[in-house]
């Protein structure tokens, strides 16, 4: 387990389809990550959801993976395995969160 000062919390958001239950309940899709800044490994994640299995399934896809490197690896895995109506929103939200992570790491952790 990483020391608490070696992790950062980032969140990405996206709109979902108007007929999606997440839109009715939360007005958007949010996905959050705790990432180890030394290894770039995703330690935990959470997301807005209406069915518990959604978050468990996404956690299984993402926890333990590096969030740096080509995003198309994440995108293709989500497209291949997640076939819920929030698929596009998940991809956009992850992309935003990982972009934010890179900016934070560059600004605050470059010399570590």
Protein backbone atom coordinates (compact mmCIF):
# COMPACT_ATOMS: atom_id res chain seq x y z
CA UNK A 1 0.00 0.00 0.00
CA UNK A 2 1.33 3.44 -0.94
CA UNK A 3 1.93 6.12 1.65
CA UNK A 4 -0.92 8.63 1.64
CA UNK A 5 1.37 11.45 0.45
CA UNK A 6 2.23 9.36 -2.62
CA UNK A 7 -1.34 9.29 -3.91
CA UNK A 8 -3.58 11.81 -5.64
CA UNK A 9 -7.32 11.93 -6.21
CA UNK A 10 -8.63 12.96 -9.63
CA UNK A 11 -12.11 13.02 -11.06
CA UNK A 12 -13.48 13.18 -14.59
CA UNK A 13 -17.01 13.84 -15.72
CA UNK A 14 -19.13 13.50 -18.80
CA UNK A 15 -22.73 13.68 -19.92
CA UNK A 16 -24.65 10.46 -20.41
CA UNK A 17 -27.54 9.74 -22.75
CA UNK A 18 -30.77 11.49 -21.82
CA UNK A 19 -32.50 8.13 -21.36
CA UNK A 20 -29.78 6.88 -18.97
CA UNK A 21 -30.78 6.43 -15.31
CA UNK A 22 -27.51 8.09 -14.26
CA UNK A 23 -28.61 11.28 -16.06
CA UNK A 24 -31.95 11.23 -14.23
CA UNK A 25 -30.29 10.75 -10.86
CA UNK A 26 -26.98 12.64 -11.10
CA UNK A 27 -27.24 14.78 -14.27
CA UNK A 28 -23.77 13.55 -15.36
CA UNK A 29 -21.37 10.63 -15.05
CA UNK A 30 -18.43 11.03 -12.67
CA UNK A 31 -15.47 8.71 -12.25
CA UNK A 32 -12.81 9.20 -9.57
CA UNK A 33 -9.40 7.61 -9.15
CA UNK A 34 -6.81 7.33 -6.40
CA UNK A 35 -3.46 7.00 -8.16
CA UNK A 36 0.04 6.34 -6.82
CA UNK A 37 2.24 9.13 -8.18
CA UNK A 38 5.43 7.06 -8.05
CA UNK A 39 4.11 4.14 -10.08
CA UNK A 40 1.14 5.75 -11.89
CA UNK A 41 -0.92 2.72 -10.78
CA UNK A 42 -4.64 3.14 -10.11
CA UNK A 43 -5.18 2.07 -6.49
CA UNK A 44 -8.94 2.60 -6.31
CA UNK A 45 -11.80 4.07 -8.27
CA UNK A 46 -15.42 4.97 -7.83
CA UNK A 47 -18.15 6.24 -10.12
CA UNK A 48 -21.72 7.40 -10.22
CA UNK A 49 -23.94 4.43 -10.87
CA UNK A 50 -27.43 3.11 -10.32
CA UNK A 51 -26.49 -0.58 -10.22
CA UNK A 52 -23.70 -1.77 -7.89
CA UNK A 53 -22.19 -4.17 -10.41
CA UNK A 54 -21.30 -1.21 -12.66
CA UNK A 55 -18.75 0.16 -10.21
CA UNK A 56 -17.42 -3.31 -9.32
CA UNK A 57 -17.00 -4.17 -12.99
CA UNK A 58 -15.21 -0.92 -13.81
CA UNK A 59 -13.01 -1.29 -10.74
CA UNK A 60 -11.96 -4.71 -12.03
CA UNK A 61 -11.06 -3.18 -15.40
CA UNK A 62 -9.00 -0.33 -13.97
CA UNK A 63 -7.54 -0.96 -10.51
CA UNK A 64 -3.96 -2.15 -10.72
CA UNK A 65 -3.39 -0.66 -14.18
CA UNK A 66 -1.08 2.22 -15.12
CA UNK A 67 -2.97 5.36 -16.07
CA UNK A 68 -0.13 6.75 -18.15
CA UNK A 69 0.72 5.59 -21.61
CA UNK A 70 -1.58 5.27 -24.61
CA UNK A 71 -5.21 5.87 -23.64
CA UNK A 72 -6.43 3.75 -26.55
CA UNK A 73 -5.55 0.63 -24.50
CA UNK A 74 -8.10 1.69 -21.84
CA UNK A 75 -10.59 2.78 -24.47
CA UNK A 76 -10.45 -0.48 -26.42
CA UNK A 77 -10.80 -2.53 -23.23
CA UNK A 78 -13.86 -0.52 -22.17
CA UNK A 79 -15.38 -0.84 -25.64
CA UNK A 80 -14.67 -4.58 -25.77
CA UNK A 81 -16.01 -5.41 -22.32
CA UNK A 82 -18.47 -2.75 -21.09
CA UNK A 83 -21.71 -2.68 -23.06
CA UNK A 84 -23.91 -0.46 -20.90
CA UNK A 85 -25.43 2.79 -22.10
CA UNK A 86 -22.74 4.80 -20.26
CA UNK A 87 -19.87 3.38 -22.35
CA UNK A 88 -19.03 6.66 -24.13
CA UNK A 89 -19.39 8.69 -20.91
CA UNK A 90 -16.97 6.33 -19.13
CA UNK A 91 -14.38 6.75 -21.88
CA UNK A 92 -14.67 10.56 -21.91
CA UNK A 93 -14.57 10.77 -18.10
CA UNK A 94 -11.50 8.53 -17.85
CA UNK A 95 -9.72 10.52 -20.53
CA UNK A 96 -10.43 13.76 -18.62
CA UNK A 97 -9.31 12.30 -15.26
CA UNK A 98 -6.07 10.93 -16.72
CA UNK A 99 -5.34 14.27 -18.43
CA UNK A 100 -5.88 16.00 -15.10
CA UNK A 101 -3.58 13.47 -13.41
CA UNK A 102 -0.75 14.17 -15.87
CA UNK A 103 -1.08 17.92 -15.23
CA UNK A 104 -1.04 17.47 -11.45
CA UNK A 105 1.95 15.15 -11.59
CA UNK A 106 3.88 17.56 -13.79
CA UNK A 107 3.06 20.54 -11.58
CA UNK A 108 3.52 19.03 -8.10
CA UNK A 109 5.57 15.84 -8.43
CA UNK A 110 8.08 16.49 -11.22
CA UNK A 111 11.11 16.61 -8.91
CA UNK A 112 10.21 13.62 -6.71
